[in-house]
Amino acid sequence: TLLFLALIFGWIGFGPVVFDLAYLQ
């Protein structure tokens, strides 16, 4: 739940940068 919601809402909020953020975290 945490992972998918973070990726979905992160994509809506600031685009594909969310995947870089997830990788770095």
PDBML (XML) file of the C-alpha atoms, coordinates in Angstrom:
<?xml version="1.0" encoding="UTF-8" ?>
<PDBx:datablock datablockName="MODEL"
   xmlns:PDBx="http://pdbml.pdb.org/schema/pdbx-v50.xsd"
   xmlns:xsi="http://www.w3.org/2001/XMLSchema-instance"
   xsi:schemaLocation="http://pdbml.pdb.org/schema/pdbx-v50.xsd pdbx-v50.xsd">
   <PDBx:atom_siteCategory>
      <PDBx:atom_site id="1">
         <PDBx:B_iso_or_equiv>0.00</PDBx:B_iso_or_equiv>
         <PDBx:Cartn_x>0.000</PDBx:Cartn_x>
         <PDBx:Cartn_y>0.000</PDBx:Cartn_y>
         <PDBx:Cartn_z>0.000</PDBx:Cartn_z>
         <PDBx:auth_asym_id>A</PDBx:auth_asym_id>
         <PDBx:auth_atom_id>CA</PDBx:auth_atom_id>
         <PDBx:auth_comp_id>THR</PDBx:auth_comp_id>
         <PDBx:auth_seq_id>1</PDBx:auth_seq_id>
         <PDBx:group_PDB>ATOM</PDBx:group_PDB>
         <PDBx:label_alt_id xsi:nil="true" />
         <PDBx:label_asym_id>A</PDBx:label_asym_id>
         <PDBx:label_atom_id>CA</PDBx:label_atom_id>
         <PDBx:label_comp_id>THR</PDBx:label_comp_id>
         <PDBx:label_entity_id>1</PDBx:label_entity_id>
         <PDBx:label_seq_id>1</PDBx:label_seq_id>
         <PDBx:occupancy>1.00</PDBx:occupancy>
         <PDBx:pdbx_PDB_model_num>1</PDBx:pdbx_PDB_model_num>
         <PDBx:type_symbol>C</PDBx:type_symbol>
      </PDBx:atom_site>
      <PDBx:atom_site id="2">
         <PDBx:B_iso_or_equiv>0.00</PDBx:B_iso_or_equiv>
         <PDBx:Cartn_x>2.745</PDBx:Cartn_x>
         <PDBx:Cartn_y>2.444</PDBx:Cartn_y>
         <PDBx:Cartn_z>0.995</PDBx:Cartn_z>
         <PDBx:auth_asym_id>A</PDBx:auth_asym_id>
         <PDBx:auth_atom_id>CA</PDBx:auth_atom_id>
         <PDBx:auth_comp_id>LEU</PDBx:auth_comp_id>
         <PDBx:auth_seq_id>2</PDBx:auth_seq_id>
         <PDBx:group_PDB>ATOM</PDBx:group_PDB>
         <PDBx:label_alt_id xsi:nil="true" />
         <PDBx:label_asym_id>A</PDBx:label_asym_id>
         <PDBx:label_atom_id>CA</PDBx:label_atom_id>
         <PDBx:label_comp_id>LEU</PDBx:label_comp_id>
         <PDBx:label_entity_id>1</PDBx:label_entity_id>
         <PDBx:label_seq_id>2</PDBx:label_seq_id>
         <PDBx:occupancy>1.00</PDBx:occupancy>
         <PDBx:pdbx_PDB_model_num>1</PDBx:pdbx_PDB_model_num>
         <PDBx:type_symbol>C</PDBx:type_symbol>
      </PDBx:atom_site>
      <PDBx:atom_site id="3">
         <PDBx:B_iso_or_equiv>0.00</PDBx:B_iso_or_equiv>
         <PDBx:Cartn_x>4.850</PDBx:Cartn_x>
         <PDBx:Cartn_y>1.739</PDBx:Cartn_y>
         <PDBx:Cartn_z>-2.080</PDBx:Cartn_z>
         <PDBx:auth_asym_id>A</PDBx:auth_asym_id>
         <PDBx:auth_atom_id>CA</PDBx:auth_atom_id>
         <PDBx:auth_comp_id>LEU</PDBx:auth_comp_id>
         <PDBx:auth_seq_id>3</PDBx:auth_seq_id>
         <PDBx:group_PDB>ATOM</PDBx:group_PDB>
         <PDBx:label_alt_id xsi:nil="true" />
         <PDBx:label_asym_id>A</PDBx:label_asym_id>
         <PDBx:label_atom_id>CA</PDBx:label_atom_id>
         <PDBx:label_comp_id>LEU</PDBx:label_comp_id>
         <PDBx:label_entity_id>1</PDBx:label_entity_id>
         <PDBx:label_seq_id>3</PDBx:label_seq_id>
         <PDBx:occupancy>1.00</PDBx:occupancy>
         <PDBx:pdbx_PDB_model_num>1</PDBx:pdbx_PDB_model_num>
         <PDBx:type_symbol>C</PDBx:type_symbol>
      </PDBx:atom_site>
      <PDBx:atom_site id="4">
         <PDBx:B_iso_or_equiv>0.00</PDBx:B_iso_or_equiv>
         <PDBx:Cartn_x>2.106</PDBx:Cartn_x>
         <PDBx:Cartn_y>1.967</PDBx:Cartn_y>
         <PDBx:Cartn_z>-4.698</PDBx:Cartn_z>
         <PDBx:auth_asym_id>A</PDBx:auth_asym_id>
         <PDBx:auth_atom_id>CA</PDBx:auth_atom_id>
         <PDBx:auth_comp_id>PHE</PDBx:auth_comp_id>
         <PDBx:auth_seq_id>4</PDBx:auth_seq_id>
         <PDBx:group_PDB>ATOM</PDBx:group_PDB>
         <PDBx:label_alt_id xsi:nil="true" />
         <PDBx:label_asym_id>A</PDBx:label_asym_id>
         <PDBx:label_atom_id>CA</PDBx:label_atom_id>
         <PDBx:label_comp_id>PHE</PDBx:label_comp_id>
         <PDBx:label_entity_id>1</PDBx:label_entity_id>
         <PDBx:label_seq_id>4</PDBx:label_seq_id>
         <PDBx:occupancy>1.00</PDBx:occupancy>
         <PDBx:pdbx_PDB_model_num>1</PDBx:pdbx_PDB_model_num>
         <PDBx:type_symbol>C</PDBx:type_symbol>
      </PDBx:atom_site>
      <PDBx:atom_site id="5">
         <PDBx:B_iso_or_equiv>0.00</PDBx:B_iso_or_equiv>
         <PDBx:Cartn_x>0.450</PDBx:Cartn_x>
         <PDBx:Cartn_y>5.019</PDBx:Cartn_y>
         <PDBx:Cartn_z>-3.168</PDBx:Cartn_z>
         <PDBx:auth_asym_id>A</PDBx:auth_asym_id>
         <PDBx:auth_atom_id>CA</PDBx:auth_atom_id>
         <PDBx:auth_comp_id>LEU</PDBx:auth_comp_id>
         <PDBx:auth_seq_id>5</PDBx:auth_seq_id>
         <PDBx:group_PDB>ATOM</PDBx:group_PDB>
         <PDBx:label_alt_id xsi:nil="true" />
         <PDBx:label_asym_id>A</PDBx:label_asym_id>
         <PDBx:label_atom_id>CA</PDBx:label_atom_id>
         <PDBx:label_comp_id>LEU</PDBx:label_comp_id>
         <PDBx:label_entity_id>1</PDBx:label_entity_id>
         <PDBx:label_seq_id>5</PDBx:label_seq_id>
         <PDBx:occupancy>1.00</PDBx:occupancy>
         <PDBx:pdbx_PDB_model_num>1</PDBx:pdbx_PDB_model_num>
         <PDBx:type_symbol>C</PDBx:type_symbol>
      </PDBx:atom_site>
      <PDBx:atom_site id="6">
         <PDBx:B_iso_or_equiv>0.00</PDBx:B_iso_or_equiv>
         <PDBx:Cartn_x>3.801</PDBx:Cartn_x>
         <PDBx:Cartn_y>6.806</PDBx:Cartn_y>
         <PDBx:Cartn_z>-2.933</PDBx:Cartn_z>
         <PDBx:auth_asym_id>A</PDBx:auth_asym_id>
         <PDBx:auth_atom_id>CA</PDBx:auth_atom_id>
         <PDBx:auth_comp_id>ALA</PDBx:auth_comp_id>
         <PDBx:auth_seq_id>6</PDBx:auth_seq_id>
         <PDBx:group_PDB>ATOM</PDBx:group_PDB>
         <PDBx:label_alt_id xsi:nil="true" />
         <PDBx:label_asym_id>A</PDBx:label_asym_id>
         <PDBx:label_atom_id>CA</PDBx:label_atom_id>
         <PDBx:label_comp_id>ALA</PDBx:label_comp_id>
         <PDBx:label_entity_id>1</PDBx:label_entity_id>
         <PDBx:label_seq_id>6</PDBx:label_seq_id>
         <PDBx:occupancy>1.00</PDBx:occupancy>
         <PDBx:pdbx_PDB_model_num>1</PDBx:pdbx_PDB_model_num>
         <PDBx:type_symbol>C</PDBx:type_symbol>
      </PDBx:atom_site>
      <PDBx:atom_site id="7">
         <PDBx:B_iso_or_equiv>0.00</PDBx:B_iso_or_equiv>
         <PDBx:Cartn_x>4.563</PDBx:Cartn_x>
         <PDBx:Cartn_y>6.113</PDBx:Cartn_y>
         <PDBx:Cartn_z>-6.605</PDBx:Cartn_z>
         <PDBx:auth_asym_id>A</PDBx:auth_asym_id>
         <PDBx:auth_atom_id>CA</PDBx:auth_atom_id>
         <PDBx:auth_comp_id>LEU</PDBx:auth_comp_id>
         <PDBx:auth_seq_id>7</PDBx:auth_seq_id>
         <PDBx:group_PDB>ATOM</PDBx:group_PDB>
         <PDBx:label_alt_id xsi:nil="true" />
         <PDBx:label_asym_id>A</PDBx:label_asym_id>
         <PDBx:label_atom_id>CA</PDBx:label_atom_id>
         <PDBx:label_comp_id>LEU</PDBx:label_comp_id>
         <PDBx:label_entity_id>1</PDBx:label_entity_id>
         <PDBx:label_seq_id>7</PDBx:label_seq_id>
         <PDBx:occupancy>1.00</PDBx:occupancy>
         <PDBx:pdbx_PDB_model_num>1</PDBx:pdbx_PDB_model_num>
         <PDBx:type_symbol>C</PDBx:type_symbol>
      </PDBx:atom_site>
      <PDBx:atom_site id="8">
         <PDBx:B_iso_or_equiv>0.00</PDBx:B_iso_or_equiv>
         <PDBx:Cartn_x>1.058</PDBx:Cartn_x>
         <PDBx:Cartn_y>7.007</PDBx:Cartn_y>
         <PDBx:Cartn_z>-7.829</PDBx:Cartn_z>
         <PDBx:auth_asym_id>A</PDBx:auth_asym_id>
         <PDBx:auth_atom_id>CA</PDBx:auth_atom_id>
         <PDBx:auth_comp_id>ILE</PDBx:auth_comp_id>
         <PDBx:auth_seq_id>8</PDBx:auth_seq_id>
         <PDBx:group_PDB>ATOM</PDBx:group_PDB>
         <PDBx:label_alt_id xsi:nil="true" />
         <PDBx:label_asym_id>A</PDBx:label_asym_id>
         <PDBx:label_atom_id>CA</PDBx:label_atom_id>
         <PDBx:label_comp_id>ILE</PDBx:label_comp_id>
         <PDBx:label_entity_id>1</PDBx:label_entity_id>
         <PDBx:label_seq_id>8</PDBx:label_seq_id>
         <PDBx:occupancy>1.00</PDBx:occupancy>
         <PDBx:pdbx_PDB_model_num>1</PDBx:pdbx_PDB_model_num>
         <PDBx:type_symbol>C</PDBx:type_symbol>
      </PDBx:atom_site>
      <PDBx:atom_site id="9">
         <PDBx:B_iso_or_equiv>0.00</PDBx:B_iso_or_equiv>
         <PDBx:Cartn_x>0.624</PDBx:Cartn_x>
         <PDBx:Cartn_y>10.221</PDBx:Cartn_y>
         <PDBx:Cartn_z>-5.836</PDBx:Cartn_z>
         <PDBx:auth_asym_id>A</PDBx:auth_asym_id>
         <PDBx:auth_atom_id>CA</PDBx:auth_atom_id>
         <PDBx:auth_comp_id>PHE</PDBx:auth_comp_id>
         <PDBx:auth_seq_id>9</PDBx:auth_seq_id>
         <PDBx:group_PDB>ATOM</PDBx:group_PDB>
         <PDBx:label_alt_id xsi:nil="true" />
         <PDBx:label_asym_id>A</PDBx:label_asym_id>
         <PDBx:label_atom_id>CA</PDBx:label_atom_id>
         <PDBx:label_comp_id>PHE</PDBx:label_comp_id>
         <PDBx:label_entity_id>1</PDBx:label_entity_id>
         <PDBx:label_seq_id>9</PDBx:label_seq_id>
         <PDBx:occupancy>1.00</PDBx:occupancy>
         <PDBx:pdbx_PDB_model_num>1</PDBx:pdbx_PDB_model_num>
         <PDBx:type_symbol>C</PDBx:type_symbol>
      </PDBx:atom_site>
      <PDBx:atom_site id="10">
         <PDBx:B_iso_or_equiv>0.00</PDBx:B_iso_or_equiv>
         <PDBx:Cartn_x>4.275</PDBx:Cartn_x>
         <PDBx:Cartn_y>11.156</PDBx:Cartn_y>
         <PDBx:Cartn_z>-6.369</PDBx:Cartn_z>
         <PDBx:auth_asym_id>A</PDBx:auth_asym_id>
         <PDBx:auth_atom_id>CA</PDBx:auth_atom_id>
         <PDBx:auth_comp_id>GLY</PDBx:auth_comp_id>
         <PDBx:auth_seq_id>10</PDBx:auth_seq_id>
         <PDBx:group_PDB>ATOM</PDBx:group_PDB>
         <PDBx:label_alt_id xsi:nil="true" />
         <PDBx:label_asym_id>A</PDBx:label_asym_id>
         <PDBx:label_atom_id>CA</PDBx:label_atom_id>
         <PDBx:label_comp_id>GLY</PDBx:label_comp_id>
         <PDBx:label_entity_id>1</PDBx:label_entity_id>
         <PDBx:label_seq_id>10</PDBx:label_seq_id>
         <PDBx:occupancy>1.00</PDBx:occupancy>
         <PDBx:pdbx_PDB_model_num>1</PDBx:pdbx_PDB_model_num>
         <PDBx:type_symbol>C</PDBx:type_symbol>
      </PDBx:atom_site>
      <PDBx:atom_site id="11">
         <PDBx:B_iso_or_equiv>0.00</PDBx:B_iso_or_equiv>
         <PDBx:Cartn_x>3.799</PDBx:Cartn_x>
         <PDBx:Cartn_y>10.829</PDBx:Cartn_y>
         <PDBx:Cartn_z>-10.144</PDBx:Cartn_z>
         <PDBx:auth_asym_id>A</PDBx:auth_asym_id>
         <PDBx:auth_atom_id>CA</PDBx:auth_atom_id>
         <PDBx:auth_comp_id>TRP</PDBx:auth_comp_id>
         <PDBx:auth_seq_id>11</PDBx:auth_seq_id>
         <PDBx:group_PDB>ATOM</PDBx:group_PDB>
         <PDBx:label_alt_id xsi:nil="true" />
         <PDBx:label_asym_id>A</PDBx:label_asym_id>
         <PDBx:label_atom_id>CA</PDBx:label_atom_id>
         <PDBx:label_comp_id>TRP</PDBx:label_comp_id>
         <PDBx:label_entity_id>1</PDBx:label_entity_id>
         <PDBx:label_seq_id>11</PDBx:label_seq_id>
         <PDBx:occupancy>1.00</PDBx:occupancy>
         <PDBx:pdbx_PDB_model_num>1</PDBx:pdbx_PDB_model_num>
         <PDBx:type_symbol>C</PDBx:type_symbol>
      </PDBx:atom_site>
      <PDBx:atom_site id="12">
         <PDBx:B_iso_or_equiv>0.00</PDBx:B_iso_or_equiv>
         <PDBx:Cartn_x>0.696</PDBx:Cartn_x>
         <PDBx:Cartn_y>13.043</PDBx:Cartn_y>
         <PDBx:Cartn_z>-9.944</PDBx:Cartn_z>
         <PDBx:auth_asym_id>A</PDBx:auth_asym_id>
         <PDBx:auth_atom_id>CA</PDBx:auth_atom_id>
         <PDBx:auth_comp_id>ILE</PDBx:auth_comp_id>
         <PDBx:auth_seq_id>12</PDBx:auth_seq_id>
         <PDBx:group_PDB>ATOM</PDBx:group_PDB>
         <PDBx:label_alt_id xsi:nil="true" />
         <PDBx:label_asym_id>A</PDBx:label_asym_id>
         <PDBx:label_atom_id>CA</PDBx:label_atom_id>
         <PDBx:label_comp_id>ILE</PDBx:label_comp_id>
         <PDBx:label_entity_id>1</PDBx:label_entity_id>
         <PDBx:label_seq_id>12</PDBx:label_seq_id>
         <PDBx:occupancy>1.00</PDBx:occupancy>
         <PDBx:pdbx_PDB_model_num>1</PDBx:pdbx_PDB_model_num>
         <PDBx:type_symbol>C</PDBx:type_symbol>
      </PDBx:atom_site>
      <PDBx:atom_site id="13">
         <PDBx:B_iso_or_equiv>0.00</PDBx:B_iso_or_equiv>
         <PDBx:Cartn_x>2.506</PDBx:Cartn_x>
         <PDBx:Cartn_y>15.587</PDBx:Cartn_y>
         <PDBx:Cartn_z>-7.755</PDBx:Cartn_z>
         <PDBx:auth_asym_id>A</PDBx:auth_asym_id>
         <PDBx:auth_atom_id>CA</PDBx:auth_atom_id>
         <PDBx:auth_comp_id>GLY</PDBx:auth_comp_id>
         <PDBx:auth_seq_id>13</PDBx:auth_seq_id>
         <PDBx:group_PDB>ATOM</PDBx:group_PDB>
         <PDBx:label_alt_id xsi:nil="true" />
         <PDBx:label_asym_id>A</PDBx:label_asym_id>
         <PDBx:label_atom_id>CA</PDBx:label_atom_id>
         <PDBx:label_comp_id>GLY</PDBx:label_comp_id>
         <PDBx:label_entity_id>1</PDBx:label_entity_id>
         <PDBx:label_seq_id>13</PDBx:label_seq_id>
         <PDBx:occupancy>1.00</PDBx:occupancy>
         <PDBx:pdbx_PDB_model_num>1</PDBx:pdbx_PDB_model_num>
         <PDBx:type_symbol>C</PDBx:type_symbol>
      </PDBx:atom_site>
      <PDBx:atom_site id="14">
         <PDBx:B_iso_or_equiv>0.00</PDBx:B_iso_or_equiv>
         <PDBx:Cartn_x>5.920</PDBx:Cartn_x>
         <PDBx:Cartn_y>15.938</PDBx:Cartn_y>
         <PDBx:Cartn_z>-9.388</PDBx:Cartn_z>
         <PDBx:auth_asym_id>A</PDBx:auth_asym_id>
         <PDBx:auth_atom_id>CA</PDBx:auth_atom_id>
         <PDBx:auth_comp_id>PHE</PDBx:auth_comp_id>
         <PDBx:auth_seq_id>14</PDBx:auth_seq_id>
         <PDBx:group_PDB>ATOM</PDBx:group_PDB>
         <PDBx:label_alt_id xsi:nil="true" />
         <PDBx:label_asym_id>A</PDBx:label_asym_id>
         <PDBx:label_atom_id>CA</PDBx:label_atom_id>
         <PDBx:label_comp_id>PHE</PDBx:label_comp_id>
         <PDBx:label_entity_id>1</PDBx:label_entity_id>
         <PDBx:label_seq_id>14</PDBx:label_seq_id>
         <PDBx:occupancy>1.00</PDBx:occupancy>
         <PDBx:pdbx_PDB_model_num>1</PDBx:pdbx_PDB_model_num>
         <PDBx:type_symbol>C</PDBx:type_symbol>
      </PDBx:atom_site>
      <PDBx:atom_site id="15">
         <PDBx:B_iso_or_equiv>0.00</PDBx:B_iso_or_equiv>
         <PDBx:Cartn_x>6.159</PDBx:Cartn_x>
         <PDBx:Cartn_y>13.507</PDBx:Cartn_y>
         <PDBx:Cartn_z>-12.284</PDBx:Cartn_z>
         <PDBx:auth_asym_id>A</PDBx:auth_asym_id>
         <PDBx:auth_atom_id>CA</PDBx:auth_atom_id>
         <PDBx:auth_comp_id>GLY</PDBx:auth_comp_id>
         <PDBx:auth_seq_id>15</PDBx:auth_seq_id>
         <PDBx:group_PDB>ATOM</PDBx:group_PDB>
         <PDBx:label_alt_id xsi:nil="true" />
         <PDBx:label_asym_id>A</PDBx:label_asym_id>
         <PDBx:label_atom_id>CA</PDBx:label_atom_id>
         <PDBx:label_comp_id>GLY</PDBx:label_comp_id>
         <PDBx:label_entity_id>1</PDBx:label_entity_id>
         <PDBx:label_seq_id>15</PDBx:label_seq_id>
         <PDBx:occupancy>1.00</PDBx:occupancy>
         <PDBx:pdbx_PDB_model_num>1</PDBx:pdbx_PDB_model_num>
         <PDBx:type_symbol>C</PDBx:type_symbol>
      </PDBx:atom_site>
      <PDBx:atom_site id="16">
         <PDBx:B_iso_or_equiv>0.00</PDBx:B_iso_or_equiv>
         <PDBx:Cartn_x>8.744</PDBx:Cartn_x>
         <PDBx:Cartn_y>10.788</PDBx:Cartn_y>
         <PDBx:Cartn_z>-13.037</PDBx:Cartn_z>
         <PDBx:auth_asym_id>A</PDBx:auth_asym_id>
         <PDBx:auth_atom_id>CA</PDBx:auth_atom_id>
         <PDBx:auth_comp_id>PRO</PDBx:auth_comp_id>
         <PDBx:auth_seq_id>16</PDBx:auth_seq_id>
         <PDBx:group_PDB>ATOM</PDBx:group_PDB>
         <PDBx:label_alt_id xsi:nil="true" />
         <PDBx:label_asym_id>A</PDBx:label_asym_id>
         <PDBx:label_atom_id>CA</PDBx:label_atom_id>
         <PDBx:label_comp_id>PRO</PDBx:label_comp_id>
         <PDBx:label_entity_id>1</PDBx:label_entity_id>
         <PDBx:label_seq_id>16</PDBx:label_seq_id>
         <PDBx:occupancy>1.00</PDBx:occupancy>
         <PDBx:pdbx_PDB_model_num>1</PDBx:pdbx_PDB_model_num>
         <PDBx:type_symbol>C</PDBx:type_symbol>
      </PDBx:atom_site>
      <PDBx:atom_site id="17">
         <PDBx:B_iso_or_equiv>0.00</PDBx:B_iso_or_equiv>
         <PDBx:Cartn_x>11.164</PDBx:Cartn_x>
         <PDBx:Cartn_y>12.258</PDBx:Cartn_y>
         <PDBx:Cartn_z>-10.493</PDBx:Cartn_z>
         <PDBx:auth_asym_id>A</PDBx:auth_asym_id>
         <PDBx:auth_atom_id>CA</PDBx:auth_atom_id>
         <PDBx:auth_comp_id>VAL</PDBx:auth_comp_id>
         <PDBx:auth_seq_id>17</PDBx:auth_seq_id>
         <PDBx:group_PDB>ATOM</PDBx:group_PDB>
         <PDBx:label_alt_id xsi:nil="true" />
         <PDBx:label_asym_id>A</PDBx:label_asym_id>
         <PDBx:label_atom_id>CA</PDBx:label_atom_id>
         <PDBx:label_comp_id>VAL</PDBx:label_comp_id>
         <PDBx:label_entity_id>1</PDBx:label_entity_id>
         <PDBx:label_seq_id>17</PDBx:label_seq_id>
         <PDBx:occupancy>1.00</PDBx:occupancy>
         <PDBx:pdbx_PDB_model_num>1</PDBx:pdbx_PDB_model_num>
         <PDBx:type_symbol>C</PDBx:type_symbol>
      </PDBx:atom_site>
      <PDBx:atom_site id="18">
         <PDBx:B_iso_or_equiv>0.00</PDBx:B_iso_or_equiv>
         <PDBx:Cartn_x>9.325</PDBx:Cartn_x>
         <PDBx:Cartn_y>10.072</PDBx:Cartn_y>
         <PDBx:Cartn_z>-7.970</PDBx:Cartn_z>
         <PDBx:auth_asym_id>A</PDBx:auth_asym_id>
         <PDBx:auth_atom_id>CA</PDBx:auth_atom_id>
         <PDBx:auth_comp_id>VAL</PDBx:auth_comp_id>
         <PDBx:auth_seq_id>18</PDBx:auth_seq_id>
         <PDBx:group_PDB>ATOM</PDBx:group_PDB>
         <PDBx:label_alt_id xsi:nil="true" />
         <PDBx:label_asym_id>A</PDBx:label_asym_id>
         <PDBx:label_atom_id>CA</PDBx:label_atom_id>
         <PDBx:label_comp_id>VAL</PDBx:label_comp_id>
         <PDBx:label_entity_id>1</PDBx:label_entity_id>
         <PDBx:label_seq_id>18</PDBx:label_seq_id>
         <PDBx:occupancy>1.00</PDBx:occupancy>
         <PDBx:pdbx_PDB_model_num>1</PDBx:pdbx_PDB_model_num>
         <PDBx:type_symbol>C</PDBx:type_symbol>
      </PDBx:atom_site>
      <PDBx:atom_site id="19">
         <PDBx:B_iso_or_equiv>0.00</PDBx:B_iso_or_equiv>
         <PDBx:Cartn_x>11.134</PDBx:Cartn_x>
         <PDBx:Cartn_y>6.993</PDBx:Cartn_y>
         <PDBx:Cartn_z>-9.315</PDBx:Cartn_z>
         <PDBx:auth_asym_id>A</PDBx:auth_asym_id>
         <PDBx:auth_atom_id>CA</PDBx:auth_atom_id>
         <PDBx:auth_comp_id>PHE</PDBx:auth_comp_id>
         <PDBx:auth_seq_id>19</PDBx:auth_seq_id>
         <PDBx:group_PDB>ATOM</PDBx:group_PDB>
         <PDBx:label_alt_id xsi:nil="true" />
         <PDBx:label_asym_id>A</PDBx:label_asym_id>
         <PDBx:label_atom_id>CA</PDBx:label_atom_id>
         <PDBx:label_comp_id>PHE</PDBx:label_comp_id>
         <PDBx:label_entity_id>1</PDBx:label_entity_id>
         <PDBx:label_seq_id>19</PDBx:label_seq_id>
         <PDBx:occupancy>1.00</PDBx:occupancy>
         <PDBx:pdbx_PDB_model_num>1</PDBx:pdbx_PDB_model_num>
         <PDBx:type_symbol>C</PDBx:type_symbol>
      </PDBx:atom_site>
      <PDBx:atom_site id="20">
         <PDBx:B_iso_or_equiv>0.00</PDBx:B_iso_or_equiv>
         <PDBx:Cartn_x>14.524</PDBx:Cartn_x>
         <PDBx:Cartn_y>8.628</PDBx:Cartn_y>
         <PDBx:Cartn_z>-8.775</PDBx:Cartn_z>
         <PDBx:auth_asym_id>A</PDBx:auth_asym_id>
         <PDBx:auth_atom_id>CA</PDBx:auth_atom_id>
         <PDBx:auth_comp_id>ASP</PDBx:auth_comp_id>
         <PDBx:auth_seq_id>20</PDBx:auth_seq_id>
         <PDBx:group_PDB>ATOM</PDBx:group_PDB>
         <PDBx:label_alt_id xsi:nil="true" />
         <PDBx:label_asym_id>A</PDBx:label_asym_id>
         <PDBx:label_atom_id>CA</PDBx:label_atom_id>
         <PDBx:label_comp_id>ASP</PDBx:label_comp_id>
         <PDBx:label_entity_id>1</PDBx:label_entity_id>
         <PDBx:label_seq_id>20</PDBx:label_seq_id>
         <PDBx:occupancy>1.00</PDBx:occupancy>
         <PDBx:pdbx_PDB_model_num>1</PDBx:pdbx_PDB_model_num>
         <PDBx:type_symbol>C</PDBx:type_symbol>
      </PDBx:atom_site>
      <PDBx:atom_site id="21">
         <PDBx:B_iso_or_equiv>0.00</PDBx:B_iso_or_equiv>
         <PDBx:Cartn_x>13.398</PDBx:Cartn_x>
         <PDBx:Cartn_y>9.603</PDBx:Cartn_y>
         <PDBx:Cartn_z>-5.271</PDBx:Cartn_z>
         <PDBx:auth_asym_id>A</PDBx:auth_asym_id>
         <PDBx:auth_atom_id>CA</PDBx:auth_atom_id>
         <PDBx:auth_comp_id>LEU</PDBx:auth_comp_id>
         <PDBx:auth_seq_id>21</PDBx:auth_seq_id>
         <PDBx:group_PDB>ATOM</PDBx:group_PDB>
         <PDBx:label_alt_id xsi:nil="true" />
         <PDBx:label_asym_id>A</PDBx:label_asym_id>
         <PDBx:label_atom_id>CA</PDBx:label_atom_id>
         <PDBx:label_comp_id>LEU</PDBx:label_comp_id>
         <PDBx:label_entity_id>1</PDBx:label_entity_id>
         <PDBx:label_seq_id>21</PDBx:label_seq_id>
         <PDBx:occupancy>1.00</PDBx:occupancy>
         <PDBx:pdbx_PDB_model_num>1</PDBx:pdbx_PDB_model_num>
         <PDBx:type_symbol>C</PDBx:type_symbol>
      </PDBx:atom_site>
      <PDBx:atom_site id="22">
         <PDBx:B_iso_or_equiv>0.00</PDBx:B_iso_or_equiv>
         <PDBx:Cartn_x>12.321</PDBx:Cartn_x>
         <PDBx:Cartn_y>6.011</PDBx:Cartn_y>
         <PDBx:Cartn_z>-4.538</PDBx:Cartn_z>
         <PDBx:auth_asym_id>A</PDBx:auth_asym_id>
         <PDBx:auth_atom_id>CA</PDBx:auth_atom_id>
         <PDBx:auth_comp_id>ALA</PDBx:auth_comp_id>
         <PDBx:auth_seq_id>22</PDBx:auth_seq_id>
         <PDBx:group_PDB>ATOM</PDBx:group_PDB>
         <PDBx:label_alt_id xsi:nil="true" />
         <PDBx:label_asym_id>A</PDBx:label_asym_id>
         <PDBx:label_atom_id>CA</PDBx:label_atom_id>
         <PDBx:label_comp_id>ALA</PDBx:label_comp_id>
         <PDBx:label_entity_id>1</PDBx:label_entity_id>
         <PDBx:label_seq_id>22</PDBx:label_seq_id>
         <PDBx:occupancy>1.00</PDBx:occupancy>
         <PDBx:pdbx_PDB_model_num>1</PDBx:pdbx_PDB_model_num>
         <PDBx:type_symbol>C</PDBx:type_symbol>
      </PDBx:atom_site>
      <PDBx:atom_site id="23">
         <PDBx:B_iso_or_equiv>0.00</PDBx:B_iso_or_equiv>
         <PDBx:Cartn_x>15.659</PDBx:Cartn_x>
         <PDBx:Cartn_y>4.669</PDBx:Cartn_y>
         <PDBx:Cartn_z>-5.793</PDBx:Cartn_z>
         <PDBx:auth_asym_id>A</PDBx:auth_asym_id>
         <PDBx:auth_atom_id>CA</PDBx:auth_atom_id>
         <PDBx:auth_comp_id>TYR</PDBx:auth_comp_id>
         <PDBx:auth_seq_id>23</PDBx:auth_seq_id>
         <PDBx:group_PDB>ATOM</PDBx:group_PDB>
         <PDBx:label_alt_id xsi:nil="true" />
         <PDBx:label_asym_id>A</PDBx:label_asym_id>
         <PDBx:label_atom_id>CA</PDBx:label_atom_id>
         <PDBx:label_comp_id>TYR</PDBx:label_comp_id>
         <PDBx:label_entity_id>1</PDBx:label_entity_id>
         <PDBx:label_seq_id>23</PDBx:label_seq_id>
         <PDBx:occupancy>1.00</PDBx:occupancy>
         <PDBx:pdbx_PDB_model_num>1</PDBx:pdbx_PDB_model_num>
         <PDBx:type_symbol>C</PDBx:type_symbol>
      </PDBx:atom_site>
      <PDBx:atom_site id="24">
         <PDBx:B_iso_or_equiv>0.00</PDBx:B_iso_or_equiv>
         <PDBx:Cartn_x>17.704</PDBx:Cartn_x>
         <PDBx:Cartn_y>7.106</PDBx:Cartn_y>
         <PDBx:Cartn_z>-3.713</PDBx:Cartn_z>
         <PDBx:auth_asym_id>A</PDBx:auth_asym_id>
         <PDBx:auth_atom_id>CA</PDBx:auth_atom_id>
         <PDBx:auth_comp_id>LEU</PDBx:auth_comp_id>
         <PDBx:auth_seq_id>24</PDBx:auth_seq_id>
         <PDBx:group_PDB>ATOM</PDBx:group_PDB>
         <PDBx:label_alt_id xsi:nil="true" />
         <PDBx:label_asym_id>A</PDBx:label_asym_id>
         <PDBx:label_atom_id>CA</PDBx:label_atom_id>
         <PDBx:label_comp_id>LEU</PDBx:label_comp_id>
         <PDBx:label_entity_id>1</PDBx:label_entity_id>
         <PDBx:label_seq_id>24</PDBx:label_seq_id>
         <PDBx:occupancy>1.00</PDBx:occupancy>
         <PDBx:pdbx_PDB_model_num>1</PDBx:pdbx_PDB_model_num>
         <PDBx:type_symbol>C</PDBx:type_symbol>
      </PDBx:atom_site>
      <PDBx:atom_site id="25">
         <PDBx:B_iso_or_equiv>0.00</PDBx:B_iso_or_equiv>
         <PDBx:Cartn_x>15.620</PDBx:Cartn_x>
         <PDBx:Cartn_y>6.464</PDBx:Cartn_y>
         <PDBx:Cartn_z>-0.581</PDBx:Cartn_z>
         <PDBx:auth_asym_id>A</PDBx:auth_asym_id>
         <PDBx:auth_atom_id>CA</PDBx:auth_atom_id>
         <PDBx:auth_comp_id>GLN</PDBx:auth_comp_id>
         <PDBx:auth_seq_id>25</PDBx:auth_seq_id>
         <PDBx:group_PDB>ATOM</PDBx:group_PDB>
         <PDBx:label_alt_id xsi:nil="true" />
         <PDBx:label_asym_id>A</PDBx:label_asym_id>
         <PDBx:label_atom_id>CA</PDBx:label_atom_id>
         <PDBx:label_comp_id>GLN</PDBx:label_comp_id>
         <PDBx:label_entity_id>1</PDBx:label_entity_id>
         <PDBx:label_seq_id>25</PDBx:label_seq_id>
         <PDBx:occupancy>1.00</PDBx:occupancy>
         <PDBx:pdbx_PDB_model_num>1</PDBx:pdbx_PDB_model_num>
         <PDBx:type_symbol>C</PDBx:type_symbol>
      </PDBx:atom_site>
   </PDBx:atom_siteCategory>
</PDBx:datablock>
